[in-house]
């Protein structure tokens, strides 16, 4: 035999008193929802005060946060600089270590200074296609100057510079009169005689 569970049956109709109570509860809930949406003046003032307090708190937190992030950025820049300087130090230490090697020193002395060890013969190979570069300032027909440096210096002091062209923008009335004939400098008493005279 099977046991049947006994369940109480629900009544198909609801008593009137309980329906009235449910309707009253629903109406009270609707009223409370309506109050929550429409802010009374007292609640509005408290909301404004709350927003003001939040703004003050945010401003109080903003400065330390900004300092914190600026400090972290400075630390990151310092770490980059340290890493770069350590790499440079490592490269310089490697260069110094190269010069501790005797073979490297001999190789550099041969390459840079042309030093040879005892018993070695130096050979220099000259390419026949190589020609001396022609001078830019002198031509092939120019005669080299055979004067001594003192004569060249003295002649450069004695030569009269070329006259400058008159300025177009200056009016003739405002410009002082200058003779157009250049004056020859007076010869110095100890000057060597010019062979051209």
N, C-alpha and C. Protein backbone atom coordinates (compact mmCIF):
# COMPACT_ATOMS: atom_id res chain seq x y z
N UNK A 1 0.79 -1.16 0.00
CA UNK A 1 0.00 0.00 0.00
C UNK A 1 0.84 1.24 0.00
N UNK A 2 0.31 2.07 -0.65
CA UNK A 2 1.03 3.34 -0.75
C UNK A 2 0.49 4.31 0.24
N UNK A 3 1.42 5.09 0.70
CA UNK A 3 1.02 6.14 1.62
C UNK A 3 0.79 7.39 0.84
N UNK A 4 -0.25 7.97 1.10
CA UNK A 4 -0.53 9.22 0.43
C UNK A 4 -0.22 10.34 1.39
N UNK A 5 0.38 11.32 0.83
CA UNK A 5 0.66 12.47 1.68
C UNK A 5 -0.60 13.30 1.77
N UNK A 6 -0.79 13.77 2.90
CA UNK A 6 -1.98 14.56 3.12
C UNK A 6 -1.57 16.02 3.06
N UNK A 7 -2.13 16.67 2.09
CA UNK A 7 -1.87 18.10 1.94
C UNK A 7 -3.15 18.83 2.19
N UNK A 8 -3.01 19.91 2.92
CA UNK A 8 -4.24 20.67 3.10
C UNK A 8 -4.61 21.35 1.80
N UNK A 9 -5.80 21.41 1.52
CA UNK A 9 -6.27 22.04 0.30
C UNK A 9 -6.39 23.52 0.53
N UNK A 10 -6.04 24.21 -0.47
CA UNK A 10 -6.16 25.65 -0.40
C UNK A 10 -7.59 26.02 -0.72
N UNK A 11 -8.03 26.97 -0.01
CA UNK A 11 -9.38 27.38 -0.36
C UNK A 11 -9.36 28.13 -1.68
N UNK A 12 -10.32 27.97 -2.48
CA UNK A 12 -10.37 28.61 -3.78
C UNK A 12 -10.76 30.06 -3.70
N UNK A 13 -11.26 30.47 -2.63
CA UNK A 13 -11.63 31.87 -2.46
C UNK A 13 -10.85 32.43 -1.28
N UNK A 14 -10.57 33.70 -1.38
CA UNK A 14 -9.83 34.37 -0.33
C UNK A 14 -10.83 35.12 0.53
N UNK A 15 -10.66 35.05 1.84
CA UNK A 15 -11.60 35.78 2.68
C UNK A 15 -11.50 37.27 2.43
N UNK A 16 -12.53 37.98 2.63
CA UNK A 16 -12.62 39.41 2.34
C UNK A 16 -11.67 40.20 3.22
N UNK A 17 -11.52 39.84 4.44
CA UNK A 17 -10.66 40.60 5.36
C UNK A 17 -9.21 40.55 4.89
N UNK A 18 -8.75 39.42 4.43
CA UNK A 18 -7.36 39.33 3.99
C UNK A 18 -7.16 40.08 2.68
N UNK A 19 -8.20 40.12 1.80
CA UNK A 19 -8.09 40.90 0.57
C UNK A 19 -7.97 42.36 0.90
N UNK A 20 -8.72 42.82 1.86
CA UNK A 20 -8.65 44.23 2.24
C UNK A 20 -7.27 44.56 2.82
N UNK A 21 -6.74 43.67 3.60
CA UNK A 21 -5.43 43.90 4.19
C UNK A 21 -4.36 43.96 3.09
N UNK A 22 -4.40 43.07 2.11
CA UNK A 22 -3.44 43.07 1.00
C UNK A 22 -3.55 44.35 0.19
N UNK A 23 -4.77 44.77 -0.07
CA UNK A 23 -4.95 46.03 -0.82
C UNK A 23 -4.39 47.21 -0.04
N UNK A 24 -4.55 47.22 1.26
CA UNK A 24 -4.03 48.32 2.09
C UNK A 24 -2.50 48.32 2.07
N UNK A 25 -1.90 47.13 2.12
CA UNK A 25 -0.43 47.04 2.08
C UNK A 25 0.10 47.54 0.74
N UNK A 26 -0.56 47.15 -0.32
CA UNK A 26 -0.12 47.61 -1.65
C UNK A 26 -0.23 49.13 -1.77
N UNK A 27 -1.29 49.68 -1.25
CA UNK A 27 -1.47 51.14 -1.31
C UNK A 27 -0.39 51.83 -0.49
N UNK A 28 -0.03 51.28 0.66
CA UNK A 28 1.02 51.88 1.50
C UNK A 28 2.38 51.82 0.77
N UNK A 29 2.64 50.72 0.10
CA UNK A 29 3.90 50.60 -0.66
C UNK A 29 3.93 51.61 -1.79
N UNK A 30 2.81 51.82 -2.48
CA UNK A 30 2.78 52.80 -3.56
C UNK A 30 3.03 54.20 -3.02
N UNK A 31 2.48 54.50 -1.86
CA UNK A 31 2.70 55.81 -1.26
C UNK A 31 4.17 56.02 -0.94
N UNK A 32 4.80 55.00 -0.38
CA UNK A 32 6.21 55.13 -0.03
C UNK A 32 7.07 55.29 -1.28
N UNK A 33 6.75 54.59 -2.33
CA UNK A 33 7.49 54.76 -3.58
C UNK A 33 7.31 56.16 -4.11
N UNK A 34 6.14 56.69 -4.02
CA UNK A 34 5.87 58.04 -4.48
C UNK A 34 6.64 59.06 -3.66
N UNK A 35 6.78 58.84 -2.38
CA UNK A 35 7.55 59.74 -1.53
C UNK A 35 9.03 59.68 -1.86
N UNK A 36 9.53 58.51 -2.17
CA UNK A 36 10.95 58.36 -2.48
C UNK A 36 11.30 59.10 -3.77
N UNK A 37 10.39 59.15 -4.71
CA UNK A 37 10.66 59.82 -5.98
C UNK A 37 10.57 61.32 -5.82
N UNK A 38 9.56 61.79 -5.16
CA UNK A 38 9.40 63.24 -4.99
C UNK A 38 10.15 63.64 -3.73
N UNK A 39 11.21 64.46 -3.89
CA UNK A 39 12.00 64.88 -2.74
C UNK A 39 11.32 66.04 -2.03
N UNK A 40 11.08 65.89 -0.76
CA UNK A 40 10.61 67.06 -0.02
C UNK A 40 11.77 68.04 0.15
N UNK A 41 11.50 69.24 0.59
CA UNK A 41 12.52 70.28 0.71
C UNK A 41 13.59 69.90 1.71
N UNK A 42 13.23 69.20 2.76
CA UNK A 42 14.23 68.79 3.74
C UNK A 42 15.20 67.80 3.12
N UNK A 43 14.70 66.87 2.36
CA UNK A 43 15.57 65.89 1.71
C UNK A 43 16.46 66.55 0.66
N UNK A 44 15.97 67.56 -0.03
CA UNK A 44 16.77 68.27 -1.05
C UNK A 44 17.96 68.97 -0.39
N UNK A 45 17.75 69.58 0.75
CA UNK A 45 18.84 70.26 1.45
C UNK A 45 19.89 69.25 1.90
N UNK A 46 19.46 68.10 2.37
CA UNK A 46 20.43 67.10 2.81
C UNK A 46 21.21 66.54 1.62
N UNK A 47 20.57 66.42 0.45
CA UNK A 47 21.27 65.96 -0.75
C UNK A 47 22.32 66.98 -1.17
N UNK A 48 21.98 68.27 -1.11
CA UNK A 48 22.95 69.32 -1.47
C UNK A 48 24.13 69.29 -0.50
N UNK A 49 23.85 69.12 0.78
CA UNK A 49 24.93 69.04 1.77
C UNK A 49 25.80 67.82 1.50
N UNK A 50 25.18 66.70 1.19
CA UNK A 50 25.93 65.48 0.89
C UNK A 50 26.83 65.67 -0.33
N UNK A 51 26.32 66.30 -1.38
CA UNK A 51 27.13 66.56 -2.58
C UNK A 51 28.28 67.50 -2.24
N UNK A 52 28.02 68.52 -1.43
CA UNK A 52 29.09 69.44 -1.02
C UNK A 52 30.18 68.73 -0.25
N UNK A 53 29.80 67.84 0.67
CA UNK A 53 30.78 67.07 1.45
C UNK A 53 31.59 66.17 0.52
N UNK A 54 30.94 65.53 -0.44
CA UNK A 54 31.66 64.68 -1.39
C UNK A 54 32.67 65.48 -2.20
N UNK A 55 32.30 66.68 -2.63
CA UNK A 55 33.23 67.52 -3.39
C UNK A 55 34.43 67.89 -2.54
N UNK A 56 34.20 68.25 -1.29
CA UNK A 56 35.31 68.61 -0.39
C UNK A 56 36.23 67.41 -0.18
N UNK A 57 35.66 66.23 0.00
CA UNK A 57 36.47 65.02 0.19
C UNK A 57 37.28 64.73 -1.06
N UNK A 58 36.66 64.86 -2.23
CA UNK A 58 37.39 64.62 -3.48
C UNK A 58 38.53 65.61 -3.66
N UNK A 59 38.29 66.88 -3.32
CA UNK A 59 39.36 67.87 -3.42
C UNK A 59 40.48 67.58 -2.43
N UNK A 60 40.13 67.10 -1.25
CA UNK A 60 41.15 66.77 -0.26
C UNK A 60 41.98 65.57 -0.70
N UNK A 61 41.38 64.66 -1.43
CA UNK A 61 42.09 63.47 -1.90
C UNK A 61 42.87 63.76 -3.17
N UNK A 62 42.45 64.72 -3.98
CA UNK A 62 43.05 64.96 -5.30
C UNK A 62 44.52 65.35 -5.20
N UNK A 63 44.88 66.26 -4.30
CA UNK A 63 46.27 66.72 -4.21
C UNK A 63 47.23 65.59 -3.83
N UNK A 64 46.94 64.80 -2.80
CA UNK A 64 47.85 63.69 -2.50
C UNK A 64 47.93 62.66 -3.62
N UNK A 65 46.81 62.41 -4.29
CA UNK A 65 46.85 61.46 -5.40
C UNK A 65 47.72 61.98 -6.54
N UNK A 66 47.58 63.28 -6.85
CA UNK A 66 48.40 63.86 -7.91
C UNK A 66 49.88 63.76 -7.52
N UNK A 67 50.21 64.08 -6.27
CA UNK A 67 51.60 63.98 -5.82
C UNK A 67 52.10 62.54 -5.89
N UNK A 68 51.24 61.60 -5.56
CA UNK A 68 51.62 60.20 -5.61
C UNK A 68 51.97 59.78 -7.03
N UNK A 69 51.11 60.13 -8.00
CA UNK A 69 51.37 59.73 -9.38
C UNK A 69 52.55 60.48 -9.98
N UNK A 70 52.74 61.74 -9.61
CA UNK A 70 53.92 62.47 -10.08
C UNK A 70 55.19 61.84 -9.52
N UNK A 71 55.14 61.42 -8.26
CA UNK A 71 56.29 60.75 -7.65
C UNK A 71 56.60 59.45 -8.34
N UNK A 72 55.57 58.70 -8.70
CA UNK A 72 55.81 57.44 -9.41
C UNK A 72 56.41 57.68 -10.79
N UNK A 73 55.95 58.74 -11.46
CA UNK A 73 56.52 59.06 -12.78
C UNK A 73 57.98 59.47 -12.64
N UNK A 74 58.30 60.23 -11.60
CA UNK A 74 59.69 60.64 -11.37
C UNK A 74 60.56 59.43 -11.05
N UNK A 75 60.03 58.50 -10.29
CA UNK A 75 60.78 57.28 -9.98
C UNK A 75 61.03 56.49 -11.26
N UNK A 76 60.04 56.41 -12.14
CA UNK A 76 60.21 55.68 -13.41
C UNK A 76 61.28 56.35 -14.26
N UNK A 77 61.27 57.71 -14.32
CA UNK A 77 62.31 58.41 -15.09
C UNK A 77 63.69 58.16 -14.48
N UNK A 78 63.77 58.18 -13.16
CA UNK A 78 65.06 57.94 -12.50
C UNK A 78 65.55 56.52 -12.77
N UNK A 79 64.64 55.55 -12.76
CA UNK A 79 65.04 54.17 -13.05
C UNK A 79 65.53 54.02 -14.49
N UNK A 80 64.88 54.71 -15.43
CA UNK A 80 65.35 54.69 -16.83
C UNK A 80 66.74 55.29 -16.93
N UNK A 81 66.95 56.39 -16.25
CA UNK A 81 68.26 57.05 -16.28
C UNK A 81 69.33 56.15 -15.67
N UNK A 82 69.00 55.49 -14.58
CA UNK A 82 69.95 54.58 -13.94
C UNK A 82 70.29 53.44 -14.88
N UNK A 83 69.28 52.87 -15.54
CA UNK A 83 69.53 51.76 -16.47
C UNK A 83 70.41 52.21 -17.63
N UNK A 84 70.14 53.42 -18.16
CA UNK A 84 70.95 53.93 -19.27
C UNK A 84 72.40 54.15 -18.83
N UNK A 85 72.58 54.73 -17.64
CA UNK A 85 73.93 54.99 -17.14
C UNK A 85 74.67 53.70 -16.82
N UNK A 86 73.95 52.70 -16.32
CA UNK A 86 74.60 51.41 -16.06
C UNK A 86 75.05 50.75 -17.36
N UNK A 87 74.24 50.87 -18.41
CA UNK A 87 74.64 50.31 -19.71
C UNK A 87 75.87 51.04 -20.25
N UNK A 88 75.90 52.36 -20.08
CA UNK A 88 77.06 53.14 -20.53
C UNK A 88 78.29 52.75 -19.72
N UNK A 89 78.12 52.55 -18.42
CA UNK A 89 79.24 52.15 -17.57
C UNK A 89 79.77 50.79 -18.00
N UNK A 90 78.86 49.88 -18.31
CA UNK A 90 79.26 48.54 -18.76
C UNK A 90 80.06 48.62 -20.06
N UNK A 91 79.61 49.47 -20.99
CA UNK A 91 80.33 49.62 -22.26
C UNK A 91 81.73 50.20 -22.02
N UNK A 92 81.83 51.17 -21.13
CA UNK A 92 83.14 51.75 -20.83
C UNK A 92 84.06 50.75 -20.14
N UNK A 93 83.50 49.93 -19.25
CA UNK A 93 84.31 48.90 -18.60
C UNK A 93 84.79 47.87 -19.61
N UNK A 94 83.96 47.55 -20.61
CA UNK A 94 84.39 46.63 -21.67
C UNK A 94 85.53 47.23 -22.48
N UNK A 95 85.44 48.54 -22.78
CA UNK A 95 86.53 49.20 -23.50
C UNK A 95 87.82 49.17 -22.70
N UNK A 96 87.72 49.41 -21.40
CA UNK A 96 88.91 49.38 -20.54
C UNK A 96 89.48 47.96 -20.51
N UNK A 97 88.62 46.96 -20.45
CA UNK A 97 89.08 45.57 -20.42
C UNK A 97 89.80 45.20 -21.71
N UNK A 98 89.39 45.78 -22.84
CA UNK A 98 90.09 45.50 -24.11
C UNK A 98 91.54 45.94 -24.04
N UNK A 99 91.79 47.07 -23.40
CA UNK A 99 93.15 47.61 -23.35
C UNK A 99 94.03 46.86 -22.35
N UNK A 100 93.47 45.97 -21.56
CA UNK A 100 94.28 45.11 -20.69
C UNK A 100 94.90 43.96 -21.48
N UNK A 101 94.37 43.66 -22.64
CA UNK A 101 94.86 42.57 -23.48
C UNK A 101 96.09 43.05 -24.25
N UNK A 102 97.20 42.32 -24.12
CA UNK A 102 98.46 42.71 -24.77
C UNK A 102 98.35 42.61 -26.29
N UNK A 103 97.67 41.60 -26.80
CA UNK A 103 97.52 41.44 -28.25
C UNK A 103 96.72 42.60 -28.85
N UNK A 104 95.70 43.02 -28.17
CA UNK A 104 94.89 44.15 -28.67
C UNK A 104 95.73 45.42 -28.72
N UNK A 105 96.57 45.62 -27.71
CA UNK A 105 97.43 46.81 -27.70
C UNK A 105 98.41 46.78 -28.88
N UNK A 106 98.99 45.62 -29.17
CA UNK A 106 99.92 45.52 -30.31
C UNK A 106 99.18 45.79 -31.62
N UNK A 107 98.00 45.23 -31.75
CA UNK A 107 97.22 45.42 -32.97
C UNK A 107 96.88 46.90 -33.17
N UNK A 108 96.45 47.57 -32.11
CA UNK A 108 96.11 49.00 -32.22
C UNK A 108 97.34 49.84 -32.50
N UNK A 109 98.48 49.48 -31.93
CA UNK A 109 99.72 50.23 -32.20
C UNK A 109 100.11 50.08 -33.66
N UNK A 110 99.94 48.91 -34.23
CA UNK A 110 100.23 48.72 -35.66
C UNK A 110 99.25 49.51 -36.53
N UNK A 111 97.99 49.39 -36.19
CA UNK A 111 96.96 50.00 -37.04
C UNK A 111 96.98 51.52 -36.95
N UNK A 112 97.02 52.06 -35.74
CA UNK A 112 96.91 53.51 -35.58
C UNK A 112 98.23 54.24 -35.73
N UNK A 113 99.28 53.69 -35.16
CA UNK A 113 100.55 54.41 -35.12
C UNK A 113 101.58 53.90 -36.13
N UNK A 114 101.32 52.77 -36.74
CA UNK A 114 102.27 52.23 -37.70
C UNK A 114 103.50 51.63 -37.04
N UNK A 115 103.40 51.20 -35.79
CA UNK A 115 104.52 50.61 -35.06
C UNK A 115 104.72 49.19 -35.55
N UNK A 116 105.99 48.82 -35.73
CA UNK A 116 106.31 47.46 -36.17
C UNK A 116 107.18 46.80 -35.12
N UNK A 117 107.07 45.50 -35.05
CA UNK A 117 107.91 44.76 -34.12
C UNK A 117 109.27 44.55 -34.76
N UNK A 118 110.22 44.22 -33.91
CA UNK A 118 111.59 44.04 -34.38
C UNK A 118 111.65 42.87 -35.35
N UNK A 119 112.29 43.09 -36.48
CA UNK A 119 112.43 42.06 -37.48
C UNK A 119 111.35 42.08 -38.55
N UNK A 120 110.33 42.87 -38.40
CA UNK A 120 109.27 42.97 -39.41
C UNK A 120 109.67 43.96 -40.48
N UNK A 121 109.21 43.74 -41.68
CA UNK A 121 109.46 44.66 -42.79
C UNK A 121 108.15 45.32 -43.16
N UNK A 122 108.20 46.62 -43.31
CA UNK A 122 106.99 47.37 -43.66
C UNK A 122 106.88 47.49 -45.17
N UNK A 123 105.72 47.26 -45.68
CA UNK A 123 105.45 47.40 -47.10
C UNK A 123 104.32 48.41 -47.27
N UNK A 124 104.51 49.30 -48.19
CA UNK A 124 103.45 50.26 -48.50
C UNK A 124 103.15 50.11 -49.98
N UNK A 125 101.93 49.80 -50.30
CA UNK A 125 101.51 49.60 -51.68
C UNK A 125 100.85 50.88 -52.15
N UNK A 126 101.38 51.43 -53.23
CA UNK A 126 100.83 52.66 -53.79
C UNK A 126 100.11 52.31 -55.08
N UNK A 127 98.90 52.70 -55.16
CA UNK A 127 98.08 52.44 -56.34
C UNK A 127 98.47 53.43 -57.43
N UNK A 128 98.84 52.96 -58.62
CA UNK A 128 99.23 53.90 -59.68
C UNK A 128 98.07 54.76 -60.16
N UNK A 129 96.86 54.33 -59.90
CA UNK A 129 95.71 55.14 -60.32
C UNK A 129 95.52 56.36 -59.43
N UNK A 130 96.14 56.35 -58.28
CA UNK A 130 96.00 57.49 -57.37
C UNK A 130 96.86 58.64 -57.86
N UNK A 131 96.30 59.81 -57.94
CA UNK A 131 97.05 61.00 -58.34
C UNK A 131 96.88 62.04 -57.25
N UNK A 132 97.82 62.95 -57.21
CA UNK A 132 97.74 64.03 -56.22
C UNK A 132 96.60 64.96 -56.62
N UNK A 133 95.81 65.38 -55.69
CA UNK A 133 94.72 66.29 -56.03
C UNK A 133 95.27 67.65 -56.44
N UNK A 134 94.65 68.21 -57.45
CA UNK A 134 95.10 69.52 -57.89
C UNK A 134 94.65 70.57 -56.90
N UNK A 135 95.49 71.59 -56.76
CA UNK A 135 95.18 72.65 -55.81
C UNK A 135 93.98 73.44 -56.33
N UNK A 136 93.12 73.80 -55.45
CA UNK A 136 91.91 74.52 -55.85
C UNK A 136 92.20 76.00 -56.05
N UNK A 137 93.07 76.56 -55.25
CA UNK A 137 93.28 78.01 -55.28
C UNK A 137 94.28 78.46 -56.33
N UNK A 138 95.12 77.58 -56.79
CA UNK A 138 96.12 78.00 -57.78
C UNK A 138 95.93 77.22 -59.06
N UNK A 139 96.23 77.85 -60.15
CA UNK A 139 96.16 77.19 -61.45
C UNK A 139 97.54 76.66 -61.83
N UNK A 140 97.62 75.92 -62.95
CA UNK A 140 98.90 75.37 -63.39
C UNK A 140 99.83 76.46 -63.91
N UNK A 141 99.25 77.56 -64.43
CA UNK A 141 100.07 78.62 -65.01
C UNK A 141 100.55 79.63 -63.98
N UNK A 142 100.04 79.57 -62.75
CA UNK A 142 100.45 80.54 -61.74
C UNK A 142 101.90 80.31 -61.34
N UNK A 143 102.60 81.42 -61.14
CA UNK A 143 103.99 81.36 -60.70
C UNK A 143 103.98 81.42 -59.18
N UNK A 144 104.66 80.50 -58.51
CA UNK A 144 104.64 80.54 -57.05
C UNK A 144 105.34 81.80 -56.54
N UNK A 145 104.86 82.30 -55.44
CA UNK A 145 105.42 83.50 -54.81
C UNK A 145 106.69 83.10 -54.07
N UNK A 146 107.81 83.72 -54.42
CA UNK A 146 109.09 83.37 -53.82
C UNK A 146 109.50 84.36 -52.74
N UNK A 147 108.64 85.30 -52.45
CA UNK A 147 108.98 86.27 -51.41
C UNK A 147 108.92 85.60 -50.04
N UNK A 148 109.68 86.15 -49.12
CA UNK A 148 109.66 85.64 -47.75
C UNK A 148 108.40 86.11 -47.04
N UNK A 149 108.12 85.53 -45.92
CA UNK A 149 106.89 85.86 -45.20
C UNK A 149 106.89 87.30 -44.71
N UNK A 150 108.06 87.82 -44.38
CA UNK A 150 108.12 89.20 -43.89
C UNK A 150 107.76 90.17 -45.01
N UNK A 151 108.24 89.89 -46.22
CA UNK A 151 107.92 90.76 -47.35
C UNK A 151 106.43 90.69 -47.69
N UNK A 152 105.85 89.51 -47.62
CA UNK A 152 104.43 89.36 -47.91
C UNK A 152 103.61 90.13 -46.88
N UNK A 153 104.02 90.05 -45.62
CA UNK A 153 103.32 90.77 -44.57
C UNK A 153 103.44 92.27 -44.78
N UNK A 154 104.65 92.73 -45.07
CA UNK A 154 104.86 94.17 -45.26
C UNK A 154 104.07 94.69 -46.46
N UNK A 155 104.07 93.93 -47.56
CA UNK A 155 103.33 94.34 -48.75
C UNK A 155 101.83 94.38 -48.49
N UNK A 156 101.34 93.47 -47.67
CA UNK A 156 99.91 93.48 -47.38
C UNK A 156 99.53 94.70 -46.55
N UNK A 157 100.44 95.19 -45.75
CA UNK A 157 100.16 96.39 -44.97
C UNK A 157 100.26 97.65 -45.83
N UNK A 158 101.11 97.62 -46.84
CA UNK A 158 101.31 98.81 -47.67
C UNK A 158 100.24 98.95 -48.74
N UNK A 159 99.61 97.87 -49.15
CA UNK A 159 98.63 97.95 -50.23
C UNK A 159 97.41 98.74 -49.77
N UNK A 160 96.89 99.58 -50.67
CA UNK A 160 95.72 100.40 -50.37
C UNK A 160 94.47 99.56 -50.66
N UNK A 161 93.54 99.51 -49.71
CA UNK A 161 92.32 98.74 -49.98
C UNK A 161 91.49 99.42 -51.06
N UNK A 162 90.70 98.62 -51.75
CA UNK A 162 89.85 99.19 -52.79
C UNK A 162 88.81 100.10 -52.16
N UNK A 163 88.44 101.17 -52.89
CA UNK A 163 87.45 102.12 -52.38
C UNK A 163 86.08 101.46 -52.35
N UNK A 164 85.33 101.71 -51.31
CA UNK A 164 83.98 101.15 -51.19
C UNK A 164 83.03 101.95 -52.06
N UNK A 165 82.06 101.33 -52.71
CA UNK A 165 81.10 102.08 -53.52
C UNK A 165 80.24 102.94 -52.60
N UNK A 166 79.80 104.13 -53.07
CA UNK A 166 78.98 105.00 -52.21
C UNK A 166 77.62 104.35 -51.98
N UNK A 167 77.08 104.62 -50.82
CA UNK A 167 75.76 104.07 -50.47
C UNK A 167 74.69 104.86 -51.20
N UNK A 168 73.71 104.15 -51.79
CA UNK A 168 72.66 104.80 -52.57
C UNK A 168 71.63 105.49 -51.67
N UNK A 169 71.40 104.95 -50.49
CA UNK A 169 70.34 105.49 -49.65
C UNK A 169 70.74 106.77 -48.91
N UNK A 170 72.02 107.08 -48.81
CA UNK A 170 72.46 108.29 -48.11
C UNK A 170 72.32 109.48 -49.05
N UNK A 171 71.78 110.56 -48.53
CA UNK A 171 71.64 111.77 -49.35
C UNK A 171 72.98 112.48 -49.42
N UNK A 172 73.29 113.17 -50.55
CA UNK A 172 74.60 113.81 -50.69
C UNK A 172 74.79 114.95 -49.69
N UNK A 173 73.73 115.57 -49.22
CA UNK A 173 73.88 116.69 -48.29
C UNK A 173 74.31 116.21 -46.92
N UNK A 174 73.85 115.01 -46.53
CA UNK A 174 74.19 114.54 -45.19
C UNK A 174 75.53 113.83 -45.14
N UNK A 175 76.02 113.36 -46.28
CA UNK A 175 77.30 112.65 -46.29
C UNK A 175 78.44 113.64 -46.30
N UNK A 176 79.48 113.41 -45.50
CA UNK A 176 80.64 114.30 -45.52
C UNK A 176 81.40 114.12 -46.83
N UNK A 177 82.05 115.17 -47.24
CA UNK A 177 82.80 115.11 -48.50
C UNK A 177 84.10 114.36 -48.28
N UNK A 178 84.32 113.41 -49.17
CA UNK A 178 85.54 112.61 -49.13
C UNK A 178 86.15 112.69 -50.51
N UNK A 179 87.44 112.92 -50.56
CA UNK A 179 88.08 112.99 -51.88
C UNK A 179 88.11 111.60 -52.48
N UNK A 180 87.89 111.53 -53.78
CA UNK A 180 87.84 110.24 -54.44
C UNK A 180 89.23 109.69 -54.73
N UNK A 181 90.25 110.50 -54.65
CA UNK A 181 91.61 110.04 -54.91
C UNK A 181 92.17 109.40 -53.65
N UNK A 182 92.61 108.16 -53.73
CA UNK A 182 93.18 107.53 -52.55
C UNK A 182 94.55 108.12 -52.24
N UNK A 183 94.80 108.25 -50.97
CA UNK A 183 96.10 108.78 -50.55
C UNK A 183 97.07 107.61 -50.43
N UNK A 184 98.26 107.81 -50.87
CA UNK A 184 99.29 106.79 -50.74
C UNK A 184 99.85 106.87 -49.34
N UNK A 185 100.03 105.75 -48.69
CA UNK A 185 100.58 105.79 -47.34
C UNK A 185 102.04 106.23 -47.39
N UNK A 186 102.41 106.88 -46.35
CA UNK A 186 103.80 107.33 -46.27
C UNK A 186 104.67 106.13 -45.99
N UNK A 187 105.82 106.00 -46.68
CA UNK A 187 106.68 104.84 -46.45
C UNK A 187 107.31 104.94 -45.06
N UNK A 188 107.41 103.79 -44.44
CA UNK A 188 108.04 103.73 -43.12
C UNK A 188 109.54 103.94 -43.29
N UNK A 189 110.21 104.53 -42.31
CA UNK A 189 111.63 104.81 -42.45
C UNK A 189 112.48 103.55 -42.55
N UNK A 190 112.08 102.45 -41.90
CA UNK A 190 112.90 101.23 -41.93
C UNK A 190 112.38 100.21 -42.92
N UNK A 191 111.51 100.61 -43.83
CA UNK A 191 110.88 99.67 -44.75
C UNK A 191 111.87 99.23 -45.81
N UNK A 192 111.82 97.96 -46.19
CA UNK A 192 112.69 97.50 -47.28
C UNK A 192 112.23 98.12 -48.60
N UNK A 193 113.15 98.29 -49.49
CA UNK A 193 112.84 98.90 -50.78
C UNK A 193 112.08 97.91 -51.64
N UNK A 194 111.05 98.41 -52.31
CA UNK A 194 110.24 97.59 -53.19
C UNK A 194 110.98 97.46 -54.52
N UNK A 195 111.26 96.26 -55.01
CA UNK A 195 112.00 96.11 -56.27
C UNK A 195 111.22 96.65 -57.46
N UNK A 196 109.90 96.80 -57.38
CA UNK A 196 109.11 97.28 -58.51
C UNK A 196 109.30 98.77 -58.72
N UNK A 197 109.79 99.54 -57.74
CA UNK A 197 109.92 101.00 -57.89
C UNK A 197 111.14 101.38 -58.64
